[in-house]
N, C-alpha and C. Protein backbone atom coordinates (compact mmCIF):
# COMPACT_ATOMS: atom_id res chain seq x y z
N MET A 1 75.36 -24.93 -18.62
CA MET A 1 74.43 -25.96 -19.00
C MET A 1 73.27 -25.96 -17.89
N LYS A 2 73.62 -26.06 -16.51
CA LYS A 2 72.56 -26.03 -15.62
C LYS A 2 71.64 -24.81 -15.72
N ASN A 3 72.61 -23.68 -15.50
CA ASN A 3 72.12 -22.47 -15.90
C ASN A 3 71.11 -22.20 -16.84
N ALA A 4 71.31 -22.86 -17.99
CA ALA A 4 70.39 -22.59 -19.05
C ALA A 4 68.99 -23.37 -18.68
N MET A 5 69.24 -24.74 -18.49
CA MET A 5 68.42 -25.47 -18.27
C MET A 5 67.23 -24.83 -17.23
N ARG A 6 67.91 -24.13 -16.07
CA ARG A 6 67.20 -23.78 -15.01
C ARG A 6 66.30 -22.61 -15.50
N TYR A 7 67.01 -21.74 -16.51
CA TYR A 7 66.45 -20.64 -17.16
C TYR A 7 65.10 -21.11 -17.98
N SER A 8 65.16 -22.01 -18.60
CA SER A 8 64.13 -22.43 -19.69
C SER A 8 63.15 -22.97 -18.86
N VAL A 9 63.32 -23.65 -17.63
CA VAL A 9 62.19 -24.16 -16.71
C VAL A 9 61.71 -22.78 -16.02
N ASN A 10 62.45 -21.83 -15.62
CA ASN A 10 61.48 -20.79 -14.90
C ASN A 10 60.80 -19.85 -16.20
N VAL A 11 61.24 -19.75 -17.51
CA VAL A 11 60.45 -19.26 -18.45
C VAL A 11 59.34 -20.19 -18.80
N PHE A 12 59.38 -21.35 -18.63
CA PHE A 12 58.26 -22.37 -19.16
C PHE A 12 57.29 -22.08 -17.97
N ILE A 13 57.55 -22.12 -16.63
CA ILE A 13 56.85 -22.07 -15.63
C ILE A 13 55.92 -20.56 -15.73
N ALA A 14 56.80 -19.53 -15.97
CA ALA A 14 56.17 -18.17 -16.07
C ALA A 14 55.22 -18.12 -17.10
N LEU A 15 55.47 -18.59 -18.36
CA LEU A 15 54.55 -18.67 -19.52
C LEU A 15 53.25 -19.44 -19.13
N VAL A 16 53.30 -20.63 -18.32
CA VAL A 16 52.29 -21.35 -17.99
C VAL A 16 51.26 -20.51 -17.29
N ALA A 17 51.84 -19.86 -15.85
CA ALA A 17 51.22 -18.95 -15.25
C ALA A 17 50.49 -18.01 -15.92
N VAL A 18 51.15 -17.04 -16.69
CA VAL A 18 50.71 -16.29 -17.97
C VAL A 18 49.37 -16.53 -18.37
N ALA A 19 49.32 -17.68 -18.82
CA ALA A 19 48.30 -18.34 -19.61
C ALA A 19 47.02 -18.78 -18.87
N LEU A 20 47.67 -19.29 -17.56
CA LEU A 20 46.59 -19.39 -16.68
C LEU A 20 45.60 -18.39 -16.35
N LEU A 21 46.41 -16.86 -15.94
CA LEU A 21 45.92 -16.08 -15.34
C LEU A 21 44.89 -15.37 -16.65
N ALA A 22 45.58 -15.44 -17.86
CA ALA A 22 45.04 -14.95 -18.92
C ALA A 22 43.62 -15.56 -19.12
N SER A 23 43.53 -16.91 -18.99
CA SER A 23 42.12 -17.54 -19.19
C SER A 23 41.31 -17.31 -18.19
N CYS A 24 41.39 -16.83 -17.14
CA CYS A 24 40.65 -16.43 -15.98
C CYS A 24 39.92 -15.21 -16.11
N LYS A 25 40.60 -14.40 -17.16
CA LYS A 25 39.90 -13.12 -17.49
C LYS A 25 38.44 -13.11 -18.01
N ALA A 26 37.45 -12.24 -17.24
CA ALA A 26 36.22 -12.67 -17.64
C ALA A 26 35.69 -11.02 -17.93
N GLY A 27 34.69 -11.08 -18.70
CA GLY A 27 33.93 -9.53 -19.13
C GLY A 27 32.91 -10.02 -19.81
N GLY A 28 31.87 -9.12 -19.66
CA GLY A 28 30.64 -8.98 -20.63
C GLY A 28 30.03 -10.62 -20.34
N ASP A 29 29.70 -11.25 -21.37
CA ASP A 29 28.95 -12.48 -21.14
C ASP A 29 30.06 -13.62 -20.96
N ASN A 30 31.36 -13.54 -20.78
CA ASN A 30 32.05 -14.31 -20.66
C ASN A 30 32.48 -14.31 -19.18
N PRO A 31 32.44 -15.44 -18.47
CA PRO A 31 32.53 -15.63 -17.19
C PRO A 31 34.05 -16.06 -16.82
N GLY A 32 34.74 -16.43 -17.85
CA GLY A 32 36.13 -17.11 -17.90
C GLY A 32 36.24 -18.42 -17.39
N LEU A 33 37.20 -19.18 -17.13
CA LEU A 33 37.44 -20.42 -16.68
C LEU A 33 36.57 -20.50 -15.09
N GLU A 34 35.93 -21.28 -14.96
CA GLU A 34 35.21 -21.67 -13.84
C GLU A 34 35.64 -23.08 -13.03
N TYR A 35 36.12 -22.78 -11.75
CA TYR A 35 36.48 -24.11 -11.09
C TYR A 35 35.04 -24.99 -10.42
N ALA A 36 34.75 -26.14 -10.64
CA ALA A 36 33.81 -26.61 -10.31
C ALA A 36 32.23 -26.05 -10.52
N PRO A 37 31.90 -25.98 -11.63
CA PRO A 37 30.95 -24.73 -11.82
C PRO A 37 29.72 -25.49 -11.40
N ASN A 38 29.56 -26.82 -11.62
CA ASN A 38 28.34 -27.37 -11.04
C ASN A 38 28.13 -26.93 -9.56
N MET A 39 29.00 -26.56 -8.85
CA MET A 39 28.72 -26.30 -7.59
C MET A 39 27.94 -24.88 -7.39
N TYR A 40 28.13 -23.99 -8.25
CA TYR A 40 27.40 -22.68 -8.09
C TYR A 40 26.52 -22.51 -8.99
N HIS A 41 26.34 -23.01 -10.24
CA HIS A 41 25.33 -22.90 -11.26
C HIS A 41 24.37 -24.18 -11.04
N SER A 42 23.23 -23.36 -10.51
CA SER A 42 21.95 -24.57 -10.21
C SER A 42 21.66 -24.95 -11.59
N VAL A 43 21.40 -26.47 -11.18
CA VAL A 43 20.72 -27.19 -12.61
C VAL A 43 19.24 -27.06 -12.46
N ALA A 44 18.69 -27.02 -11.31
CA ALA A 44 17.12 -26.83 -11.09
C ALA A 44 16.70 -25.59 -11.69
N TYR A 45 15.42 -25.70 -12.16
CA TYR A 45 14.67 -24.48 -12.76
C TYR A 45 14.66 -23.35 -11.81
N GLU A 46 15.05 -22.26 -12.20
CA GLU A 46 15.00 -21.09 -11.34
C GLU A 46 13.88 -19.79 -11.94
N PRO A 47 13.40 -19.16 -11.28
CA PRO A 47 12.09 -18.41 -11.74
C PRO A 47 13.03 -17.10 -12.50
N TYR A 48 14.02 -16.69 -12.19
CA TYR A 48 14.48 -15.39 -12.86
C TYR A 48 15.68 -16.03 -13.93
N THR A 49 16.47 -16.96 -13.55
CA THR A 49 17.93 -16.96 -14.38
C THR A 49 17.58 -18.11 -15.38
N GLN A 50 17.55 -17.30 -16.49
CA GLN A 50 17.11 -18.72 -17.75
C GLN A 50 18.42 -18.97 -18.33
N ILE A 51 18.74 -20.30 -18.85
CA ILE A 51 19.79 -20.42 -19.83
C ILE A 51 18.96 -21.05 -20.59
N THR A 52 19.14 -20.73 -21.83
CA THR A 52 18.27 -21.01 -23.12
C THR A 52 18.87 -21.95 -24.00
N ASN A 53 20.03 -21.92 -23.78
CA ASN A 53 20.83 -22.58 -25.15
C ASN A 53 21.27 -24.33 -24.10
N PRO A 54 20.62 -25.15 -25.03
CA PRO A 54 20.30 -26.59 -24.58
C PRO A 54 21.63 -27.27 -24.38
N ASP A 55 22.79 -26.85 -25.25
CA ASP A 55 23.99 -27.08 -25.20
C ASP A 55 24.72 -26.51 -23.98
N ALA A 56 24.40 -25.68 -23.48
CA ALA A 56 25.11 -24.87 -22.27
C ALA A 56 25.73 -25.99 -21.17
N GLY A 57 27.18 -26.18 -21.15
CA GLY A 57 27.39 -27.02 -20.02
C GLY A 57 27.76 -28.68 -20.55
N SER A 58 27.78 -28.61 -22.12
CA SER A 58 27.83 -30.23 -22.55
C SER A 58 29.23 -30.75 -22.30
N TRP A 59 30.17 -29.66 -22.06
CA TRP A 59 31.40 -29.93 -22.03
C TRP A 59 31.83 -30.48 -20.77
N LEU A 60 30.90 -30.25 -19.70
CA LEU A 60 31.31 -30.52 -18.21
C LEU A 60 30.94 -32.02 -17.88
N THR A 61 29.91 -32.63 -18.54
CA THR A 61 29.67 -34.06 -18.18
C THR A 61 29.31 -35.05 -19.35
N SER A 62 29.39 -36.30 -19.53
CA SER A 62 28.80 -36.96 -20.55
C SER A 62 27.73 -37.67 -20.37
N ILE A 63 27.03 -37.06 -19.29
CA ILE A 63 25.48 -37.74 -18.90
C ILE A 63 24.84 -37.40 -20.19
N GLU A 64 23.80 -37.98 -20.66
CA GLU A 64 23.00 -38.01 -21.51
C GLU A 64 21.58 -37.72 -21.03
N TYR A 65 21.02 -36.49 -20.79
CA TYR A 65 19.70 -36.22 -20.32
C TYR A 65 18.70 -36.83 -21.33
N GLU A 66 17.40 -37.44 -20.67
CA GLU A 66 16.43 -37.90 -21.31
C GLU A 66 15.97 -36.92 -22.47
N ASP A 67 15.69 -35.60 -22.03
CA ASP A 67 15.19 -34.67 -22.89
C ASP A 67 16.17 -33.90 -23.68
N GLY A 68 17.44 -34.52 -23.68
CA GLY A 68 18.43 -33.80 -24.75
C GLY A 68 19.36 -32.69 -24.39
N HIS A 69 18.86 -32.03 -23.58
CA HIS A 69 19.80 -30.76 -23.22
C HIS A 69 20.99 -31.15 -22.21
N ALA A 70 21.81 -30.50 -22.29
CA ALA A 70 22.80 -30.33 -21.56
C ALA A 70 22.93 -29.80 -19.89
N GLU A 71 24.13 -30.10 -19.08
CA GLU A 71 24.36 -29.65 -17.73
C GLU A 71 23.46 -28.33 -17.20
N PHE A 72 23.65 -26.99 -17.90
CA PHE A 72 23.29 -25.95 -17.43
C PHE A 72 21.81 -25.56 -17.94
N TYR A 73 21.22 -26.34 -18.99
CA TYR A 73 20.20 -25.71 -19.48
C TYR A 73 19.01 -25.86 -18.23
N ASN A 74 18.39 -24.76 -18.12
CA ASN A 74 17.41 -24.51 -17.12
C ASN A 74 16.10 -23.68 -17.16
N SER A 75 15.68 -23.77 -18.90
CA SER A 75 14.52 -23.00 -19.36
C SER A 75 13.36 -23.84 -19.28
N ASN A 76 12.18 -23.48 -19.58
CA ASN A 76 11.03 -24.14 -19.71
C ASN A 76 10.17 -23.41 -20.87
N ALA A 77 10.54 -24.29 -22.04
CA ALA A 77 9.90 -23.93 -23.25
C ALA A 77 8.64 -24.11 -23.49
N LEU A 78 7.98 -24.20 -22.57
CA LEU A 78 6.34 -24.54 -22.72
C LEU A 78 5.83 -23.29 -22.01
N ASN A 79 6.40 -22.44 -21.37
CA ASN A 79 5.93 -21.24 -20.78
C ASN A 79 6.06 -19.82 -21.51
N PRO A 80 5.54 -18.90 -21.33
CA PRO A 80 5.81 -17.51 -21.97
C PRO A 80 7.14 -17.13 -21.76
N HIS A 81 7.79 -16.56 -22.65
CA HIS A 81 9.16 -16.16 -22.28
C HIS A 81 10.25 -17.13 -21.73
N ARG A 82 9.94 -18.31 -21.78
CA ARG A 82 10.75 -19.41 -21.34
C ARG A 82 10.79 -19.33 -19.90
N MET A 83 10.24 -18.68 -19.05
CA MET A 83 10.24 -18.50 -17.84
C MET A 83 9.34 -19.61 -16.90
N ASN A 84 10.36 -19.98 -16.14
CA ASN A 84 9.47 -21.15 -15.13
C ASN A 84 8.65 -20.68 -14.09
N MET A 85 8.55 -19.40 -13.67
CA MET A 85 7.64 -18.68 -12.61
C MET A 85 6.33 -18.24 -13.53
N ARG A 86 5.57 -18.60 -13.06
CA ARG A 86 4.03 -18.58 -13.84
C ARG A 86 3.25 -17.36 -13.14
N THR A 87 2.28 -16.50 -13.92
CA THR A 87 1.80 -15.67 -13.08
C THR A 87 0.67 -16.28 -12.41
N PRO A 88 0.13 -15.93 -11.23
CA PRO A 88 -0.85 -16.76 -10.34
C PRO A 88 -2.19 -16.48 -11.23
N PRO A 89 -2.96 -17.29 -11.02
CA PRO A 89 -4.51 -16.99 -11.48
C PRO A 89 -5.17 -15.92 -10.79
N SER A 90 -6.00 -15.11 -11.59
CA SER A 90 -6.63 -14.08 -11.02
C SER A 90 -7.35 -14.32 -9.86
N ASN A 91 -7.51 -13.39 -8.70
CA ASN A 91 -8.16 -13.61 -7.87
C ASN A 91 -8.08 -14.67 -6.74
N THR A 92 -6.81 -14.98 -6.67
CA THR A 92 -6.46 -16.33 -5.87
C THR A 92 -5.24 -15.66 -4.96
N VAL A 93 -5.27 -16.37 -3.60
CA VAL A 93 -4.49 -16.00 -2.87
C VAL A 93 -3.52 -17.13 -2.29
N SER A 94 -2.04 -16.91 -1.94
CA SER A 94 -1.20 -17.89 -1.81
C SER A 94 -1.33 -18.26 -0.38
N ARG A 95 -0.81 -19.27 0.02
CA ARG A 95 -0.97 -19.77 1.26
C ARG A 95 0.51 -20.32 1.50
N ASN A 96 0.98 -20.25 2.79
CA ASN A 96 2.30 -20.84 3.16
C ASN A 96 2.20 -22.27 3.40
N LYS A 97 3.65 -22.85 3.87
CA LYS A 97 3.78 -24.27 4.10
C LYS A 97 2.68 -24.88 4.95
N ALA A 98 2.11 -24.03 5.99
CA ALA A 98 1.28 -24.41 6.83
C ALA A 98 -0.15 -24.11 6.67
N ASN A 99 -0.16 -23.94 5.31
CA ASN A 99 -1.55 -23.47 4.71
C ASN A 99 -2.51 -22.37 5.43
N MET A 100 -1.59 -21.43 5.75
CA MET A 100 -2.03 -20.35 6.17
C MET A 100 -2.08 -18.67 5.32
N LEU A 101 -3.21 -18.12 5.44
CA LEU A 101 -3.31 -16.91 4.47
C LEU A 101 -2.37 -15.87 4.80
N PRO A 102 -2.00 -14.97 4.18
CA PRO A 102 -1.14 -14.14 4.40
C PRO A 102 -1.65 -13.04 5.66
N TYR A 103 -0.96 -12.39 6.22
CA TYR A 103 -1.55 -11.77 7.52
C TYR A 103 -1.45 -10.26 6.97
N ARG A 104 -2.40 -9.64 6.94
CA ARG A 104 -2.74 -8.18 6.48
C ARG A 104 -3.26 -7.05 7.15
N LEU A 105 -3.46 -7.41 8.36
CA LEU A 105 -4.20 -6.38 9.27
C LEU A 105 -3.03 -5.13 9.35
N PRO A 106 -3.73 -4.11 9.24
CA PRO A 106 -2.72 -2.97 9.79
C PRO A 106 -2.49 -2.79 11.00
N LYS A 107 -1.42 -2.29 11.57
CA LYS A 107 -1.13 -1.76 13.07
C LYS A 107 -2.13 -1.55 13.95
N ASP A 108 -3.09 -0.68 13.59
CA ASP A 108 -3.87 -0.21 14.31
C ASP A 108 -5.11 -0.93 14.39
N SER A 109 -5.13 -2.14 14.19
CA SER A 109 -6.34 -3.34 14.40
C SER A 109 -6.18 -4.28 15.25
N LEU A 110 -5.81 -3.67 16.42
CA LEU A 110 -5.56 -4.60 17.41
C LEU A 110 -6.79 -5.40 17.95
N GLU A 111 -7.96 -4.30 17.99
CA GLU A 111 -9.07 -4.87 18.37
C GLU A 111 -9.75 -6.02 17.65
N ILE A 112 -9.71 -6.08 16.20
CA ILE A 112 -10.09 -6.83 15.53
C ILE A 112 -8.92 -8.19 15.42
N ALA A 113 -7.70 -7.84 15.35
CA ALA A 113 -6.82 -9.17 15.70
C ALA A 113 -7.03 -10.17 17.05
N SER A 114 -7.39 -9.45 17.90
CA SER A 114 -7.92 -10.10 19.09
C SER A 114 -8.62 -11.16 19.25
N GLN A 115 -9.64 -10.94 17.83
CA GLN A 115 -10.84 -11.85 17.86
C GLN A 115 -10.42 -12.94 16.94
N ILE A 116 -9.12 -12.85 16.13
CA ILE A 116 -8.80 -14.07 15.30
C ILE A 116 -8.22 -15.26 16.21
N LYS A 117 -8.78 -16.33 15.83
CA LYS A 117 -8.36 -17.53 16.58
C LYS A 117 -7.16 -18.41 16.12
N SER A 118 -6.52 -18.38 17.02
CA SER A 118 -5.25 -19.04 16.83
C SER A 118 -5.16 -20.30 16.18
N PRO A 119 -4.25 -20.86 15.38
CA PRO A 119 -4.44 -22.21 14.83
C PRO A 119 -3.82 -23.37 15.68
N PHE A 120 -3.32 -22.63 16.83
CA PHE A 120 -2.91 -23.52 17.86
C PHE A 120 -3.50 -23.50 19.26
N GLU A 121 -4.75 -22.91 19.11
CA GLU A 121 -5.47 -22.34 20.51
C GLU A 121 -5.91 -23.74 20.84
N GLY A 122 -5.62 -24.10 22.23
CA GLY A 122 -6.09 -25.12 22.92
C GLY A 122 -5.26 -26.76 22.76
N ALA A 123 -4.25 -26.41 21.89
CA ALA A 123 -3.35 -27.39 21.70
C ALA A 123 -2.50 -27.80 22.97
N GLU A 124 -2.21 -29.09 23.06
CA GLU A 124 -1.12 -29.52 24.29
C GLU A 124 0.09 -30.21 23.80
N ASP A 125 0.33 -30.07 22.58
CA ASP A 125 1.37 -30.90 21.88
C ASP A 125 2.83 -30.37 22.48
N ALA A 126 3.61 -31.38 22.97
CA ALA A 126 4.46 -30.97 23.64
C ALA A 126 5.63 -30.54 22.64
N GLN A 127 5.77 -30.93 21.49
CA GLN A 127 6.72 -30.46 20.52
C GLN A 127 6.22 -29.20 20.29
N LEU A 128 5.13 -28.71 19.91
CA LEU A 128 4.73 -27.32 19.74
C LEU A 128 5.16 -26.21 20.89
N LEU A 129 4.99 -26.59 22.07
CA LEU A 129 5.30 -25.92 23.07
C LEU A 129 6.76 -25.76 23.06
N ALA A 130 7.39 -26.90 23.03
CA ALA A 130 8.86 -26.88 23.07
C ALA A 130 9.28 -25.91 22.00
N GLU A 131 8.91 -25.83 20.80
CA GLU A 131 9.32 -24.86 19.55
C GLU A 131 9.03 -23.60 20.17
N GLY A 132 7.78 -23.27 20.53
CA GLY A 132 7.31 -22.00 21.23
C GLY A 132 8.39 -21.16 22.23
N LYS A 133 8.66 -22.21 23.19
CA LYS A 133 9.34 -21.99 24.15
C LYS A 133 10.91 -21.42 23.59
N ALA A 134 11.12 -22.30 22.42
CA ALA A 134 12.90 -21.89 21.96
C ALA A 134 12.73 -20.56 21.22
N LEU A 135 11.39 -20.59 20.56
CA LEU A 135 11.48 -18.85 20.05
C LEU A 135 11.28 -17.51 20.96
N TYR A 136 10.24 -18.07 21.85
CA TYR A 136 10.39 -17.15 23.09
C TYR A 136 11.94 -16.77 23.58
N ALA A 137 12.69 -17.87 23.97
CA ALA A 137 13.80 -17.70 24.39
C ALA A 137 14.75 -16.97 23.51
N MET A 138 14.65 -17.02 22.05
CA MET A 138 15.34 -16.24 21.09
C MET A 138 15.08 -14.70 21.15
N TYR A 139 13.90 -14.50 21.06
CA TYR A 139 13.20 -13.39 20.58
C TYR A 139 12.63 -12.35 21.75
N CYS A 140 12.30 -13.13 22.85
CA CYS A 140 11.67 -12.20 23.69
C CYS A 140 12.23 -12.32 25.08
N THR A 141 12.82 -13.26 25.52
CA THR A 141 13.26 -13.33 26.96
C THR A 141 14.30 -12.01 27.17
N HIS A 142 15.05 -11.50 26.42
CA HIS A 142 15.96 -10.21 26.65
C HIS A 142 15.23 -9.21 27.19
N CYS A 143 13.70 -8.92 27.02
CA CYS A 143 13.07 -8.01 27.39
C CYS A 143 12.00 -8.45 28.38
N HIS A 144 11.35 -9.63 28.19
CA HIS A 144 10.21 -9.92 29.11
C HIS A 144 10.49 -10.67 30.00
N GLY A 145 11.66 -11.27 30.08
CA GLY A 145 12.34 -12.59 30.92
C GLY A 145 11.56 -13.68 30.66
N ALA A 146 12.28 -14.85 31.14
CA ALA A 146 12.30 -16.21 31.02
C ALA A 146 10.68 -16.59 31.54
N LYS A 147 10.16 -16.04 32.41
CA LYS A 147 8.91 -16.33 32.70
C LYS A 147 8.15 -15.35 32.55
N GLY A 148 8.08 -14.38 31.89
CA GLY A 148 7.22 -13.48 31.05
C GLY A 148 6.99 -12.19 32.16
N GLU A 149 7.77 -12.25 32.88
CA GLU A 149 7.35 -11.12 34.12
C GLU A 149 8.30 -9.76 33.90
N GLY A 150 8.42 -9.40 32.60
CA GLY A 150 9.06 -8.14 32.52
C GLY A 150 10.43 -7.90 33.09
N ASP A 151 11.15 -8.99 33.48
CA ASP A 151 12.55 -8.56 34.03
C ASP A 151 13.63 -9.12 33.20
N GLY A 152 13.68 -9.07 32.32
CA GLY A 152 14.62 -9.48 31.14
C GLY A 152 15.95 -8.57 31.44
N LYS A 153 16.90 -8.83 30.53
CA LYS A 153 18.19 -7.98 30.77
C LYS A 153 18.15 -6.82 30.54
N VAL A 154 16.93 -6.62 29.14
CA VAL A 154 17.13 -5.15 28.60
C VAL A 154 16.12 -4.44 29.59
N ALA A 155 15.14 -5.05 30.32
CA ALA A 155 14.24 -4.27 31.17
C ALA A 155 14.55 -4.15 32.34
N THR A 156 15.80 -4.46 32.99
CA THR A 156 16.30 -4.07 34.23
C THR A 156 17.45 -2.96 34.33
N GLY A 157 18.00 -2.71 35.27
CA GLY A 157 19.28 -1.58 35.54
C GLY A 157 19.25 -0.51 36.28
N VAL A 158 18.03 -0.38 36.64
CA VAL A 158 17.69 0.66 37.79
C VAL A 158 17.17 0.40 38.89
N THR A 159 17.82 0.70 39.77
CA THR A 159 17.62 0.27 41.30
C THR A 159 16.93 1.55 41.95
N ILE A 160 15.84 1.39 42.39
CA ILE A 160 15.19 2.37 43.23
C ILE A 160 14.61 1.77 44.61
N ASP A 161 15.19 2.49 45.74
CA ASP A 161 14.98 1.91 47.26
C ASP A 161 15.20 0.66 47.31
N GLY A 162 16.47 0.33 46.72
CA GLY A 162 16.82 -1.32 46.75
C GLY A 162 16.13 -2.20 45.84
N VAL A 163 15.04 -1.73 45.08
CA VAL A 163 14.32 -2.59 44.00
C VAL A 163 14.84 -2.24 42.78
N GLU A 164 15.13 -3.05 42.01
CA GLU A 164 15.44 -3.04 40.42
C GLU A 164 14.21 -2.83 39.53
N HIS A 165 14.25 -1.89 38.73
CA HIS A 165 13.20 -1.69 37.98
C HIS A 165 13.49 -1.53 36.47
N SER A 166 13.00 -1.25 35.64
CA SER A 166 13.25 -1.31 34.37
C SER A 166 13.86 -0.27 33.98
N ALA A 167 14.88 -0.38 32.87
CA ALA A 167 15.65 0.54 32.51
C ALA A 167 14.92 1.34 31.38
N TYR A 168 13.68 0.80 30.59
CA TYR A 168 12.68 1.14 30.00
C TYR A 168 11.47 0.91 30.32
N ALA A 169 10.77 2.09 30.87
CA ALA A 169 9.57 2.12 31.46
C ALA A 169 8.59 1.47 30.19
N GLY A 170 7.78 0.57 30.49
CA GLY A 170 6.69 0.20 29.49
C GLY A 170 7.05 -1.10 28.96
N VAL A 171 8.10 -2.11 29.66
CA VAL A 171 8.34 -3.29 29.11
C VAL A 171 7.17 -4.21 29.85
N ALA A 172 6.30 -4.94 29.12
CA ALA A 172 5.23 -5.60 29.88
C ALA A 172 5.61 -6.66 30.41
N ASN A 173 5.02 -6.66 31.75
CA ASN A 173 4.78 -7.98 32.52
C ASN A 173 3.83 -8.91 32.06
N LEU A 174 4.00 -10.03 31.46
CA LEU A 174 2.85 -10.46 30.52
C LEU A 174 1.90 -11.40 31.68
N LYS A 175 2.67 -11.64 32.72
CA LYS A 175 1.63 -12.01 34.04
C LYS A 175 0.82 -11.02 34.69
N GLY A 176 1.10 -9.95 34.51
CA GLY A 176 0.16 -9.00 34.99
C GLY A 176 -1.06 -8.70 34.68
N ASP A 177 -1.84 -8.20 35.77
CA ASP A 177 -3.51 -8.09 35.62
C ASP A 177 -3.84 -7.73 34.17
N ALA A 178 -3.23 -6.62 33.60
CA ALA A 178 -3.52 -6.18 32.48
C ALA A 178 -3.30 -6.95 31.24
N TYR A 179 -2.59 -8.04 31.28
CA TYR A 179 -2.36 -9.17 30.03
C TYR A 179 -2.69 -10.47 30.38
N LYS A 180 -3.32 -10.59 31.43
CA LYS A 180 -3.63 -11.83 31.58
C LYS A 180 -4.78 -12.63 30.84
N ASP A 181 -5.70 -11.54 30.58
CA ASP A 181 -6.87 -12.30 29.70
C ASP A 181 -6.85 -11.88 28.12
N ILE A 182 -5.57 -11.41 27.63
CA ILE A 182 -5.21 -10.99 26.28
C ILE A 182 -5.34 -12.19 25.40
N THR A 183 -5.82 -12.27 24.35
CA THR A 183 -6.06 -13.41 23.51
C THR A 183 -4.70 -13.69 22.70
N GLU A 184 -4.47 -15.32 22.19
CA GLU A 184 -3.54 -15.40 21.21
C GLU A 184 -3.37 -14.46 19.98
N GLY A 185 -4.64 -14.09 19.67
CA GLY A 185 -4.75 -13.32 18.32
C GLY A 185 -4.00 -11.79 18.77
N HIS A 186 -4.41 -11.20 19.95
CA HIS A 186 -3.73 -10.17 20.39
C HIS A 186 -2.26 -9.96 20.41
N ILE A 187 -1.58 -11.10 20.71
CA ILE A 187 -0.13 -11.34 21.18
C ILE A 187 0.41 -11.44 20.12
N PHE A 188 -0.17 -12.36 18.80
CA PHE A 188 0.17 -12.42 17.60
C PHE A 188 0.60 -10.96 16.95
N HIS A 189 -0.58 -10.18 17.08
CA HIS A 189 -0.83 -9.00 16.38
C HIS A 189 0.28 -8.02 16.59
N VAL A 190 0.66 -7.89 18.08
CA VAL A 190 1.45 -7.21 18.71
C VAL A 190 3.11 -7.68 18.27
N ILE A 191 3.16 -8.94 18.35
CA ILE A 191 4.47 -9.49 17.79
C ILE A 191 4.93 -9.09 16.26
N THR A 192 3.83 -9.09 15.56
CA THR A 192 3.82 -8.94 14.00
C THR A 192 3.77 -7.45 13.66
N ALA A 193 3.13 -6.63 14.25
CA ALA A 193 3.11 -5.18 13.92
C ALA A 193 3.98 -4.21 15.14
N GLY A 194 4.32 -4.73 16.08
CA GLY A 194 4.64 -4.01 17.16
C GLY A 194 3.65 -3.19 18.01
N LYS A 195 4.27 -2.75 19.19
CA LYS A 195 3.39 -1.79 20.08
C LYS A 195 4.21 -1.02 21.08
N GLY A 196 3.99 0.08 21.08
CA GLY A 196 4.71 1.01 22.16
C GLY A 196 6.13 0.73 21.92
N LEU A 197 6.80 0.36 23.23
CA LEU A 197 8.26 0.19 22.99
C LEU A 197 8.63 -1.01 21.97
N MET A 198 7.83 -1.85 22.08
CA MET A 198 8.13 -3.06 21.20
C MET A 198 8.04 -3.04 19.62
N ALA A 199 9.31 -3.32 19.03
CA ALA A 199 9.21 -3.02 17.73
C ALA A 199 8.54 -4.30 17.00
N SER A 200 8.17 -4.00 15.76
CA SER A 200 7.66 -5.43 14.85
C SER A 200 8.64 -6.46 14.73
N HIS A 201 8.14 -7.75 14.75
CA HIS A 201 9.10 -8.68 14.50
C HIS A 201 8.54 -9.74 13.36
N GLY A 202 7.64 -8.87 12.82
CA GLY A 202 7.19 -9.95 11.58
C GLY A 202 8.33 -10.26 10.57
N SER A 203 9.46 -9.94 10.28
CA SER A 203 10.08 -9.71 9.56
C SER A 203 11.23 -10.84 10.20
N GLN A 204 11.19 -10.98 11.12
CA GLN A 204 12.41 -11.94 12.16
C GLN A 204 11.74 -13.21 12.25
N MET A 205 10.34 -13.53 12.18
CA MET A 205 9.69 -14.86 12.29
C MET A 205 8.46 -14.95 11.48
N SER A 206 8.52 -16.28 11.09
CA SER A 206 7.33 -16.44 9.96
C SER A 206 6.11 -16.37 10.76
N GLN A 207 5.15 -16.46 10.21
CA GLN A 207 3.82 -16.17 10.66
C GLN A 207 3.42 -17.29 11.61
N GLU A 208 3.82 -18.71 11.21
CA GLU A 208 3.75 -19.80 11.95
C GLU A 208 4.42 -19.78 13.23
N GLU A 209 5.54 -19.33 13.13
CA GLU A 209 6.58 -19.13 14.34
C GLU A 209 5.82 -17.97 15.32
N ARG A 210 5.29 -17.01 14.74
CA ARG A 210 4.66 -15.90 15.75
C ARG A 210 3.58 -16.63 16.60
N TRP A 211 2.61 -17.28 15.70
CA TRP A 211 1.64 -17.87 16.59
C TRP A 211 2.07 -18.71 17.49
N LYS A 212 3.24 -19.67 17.40
CA LYS A 212 3.81 -20.54 18.37
C LYS A 212 4.26 -19.72 19.65
N VAL A 213 4.79 -18.54 19.36
CA VAL A 213 5.14 -17.72 20.67
C VAL A 213 3.97 -17.19 21.14
N ALA A 214 2.86 -16.73 20.50
CA ALA A 214 1.79 -16.37 21.29
C ALA A 214 1.03 -17.41 22.01
N HIS A 215 1.12 -18.95 21.28
CA HIS A 215 0.57 -19.76 22.34
C HIS A 215 1.49 -20.12 23.46
N TYR A 216 2.79 -20.13 23.30
CA TYR A 216 3.41 -20.33 24.53
C TYR A 216 3.40 -19.10 25.49
N VAL A 217 3.07 -17.90 25.07
CA VAL A 217 2.93 -16.96 26.18
C VAL A 217 1.64 -17.22 27.05
N LYS A 218 0.47 -17.61 26.29
CA LYS A 218 -0.54 -17.84 27.10
C LYS A 218 -0.28 -19.24 28.13
N VAL A 219 0.44 -20.07 27.76
CA VAL A 219 1.02 -21.19 28.77
C VAL A 219 1.89 -20.44 29.90
N LEU A 220 2.61 -19.60 29.60
CA LEU A 220 3.41 -18.88 30.43
C LEU A 220 2.47 -18.14 31.44
N GLN A 221 1.38 -17.66 31.00
CA GLN A 221 0.41 -16.87 31.68
C GLN A 221 -0.26 -17.92 32.91
N LYS A 222 -0.43 -18.96 32.35
CA LYS A 222 -0.97 -20.17 33.30
C LYS A 222 -0.19 -20.45 34.61
């Protein structure tokens, strides 16, 4: 009797497990069962992912939305193709959060770039300098050194006559005579597009961050 009971329990558990596994099967437009879907299905409007069924997600919550749709609906019926992202007006240029226009000077435009005025030029704000210093430590110290003297870890390693020299000839000593008069625009452009051994950092730092580093370098030079 006990064996029969145990057998029945085992069969029941096996059937439940099979049912659960089968219910998780996904394919095509069927995602299967999802655990806590509201954690990875964005309710906010998205520019590309559109859920046009106003009843989508109605099983998830009993909340009644004022505009009558359910949890997953995220389309905009007022825009063409129900999309949330709109085409910008003609002849307009986007700005970033800091109200800066896109920087589009080509790499060989250093002379022009040198004449561009930094948005932080002349600023003495302690927080601005702290942010510039932190960014410099993260992206620049390994080559140019903490004080900008071209003695970072990457730039050392060769000893000649008892004097340690750069392992890569050409790492700039930012305090040298050749660099002391360069402008923040010059520094910004080199950070953005690269020059000589230095690769572009335009993809690693935002436009505002690059200006902060350029500003901090001029402070270092003083």
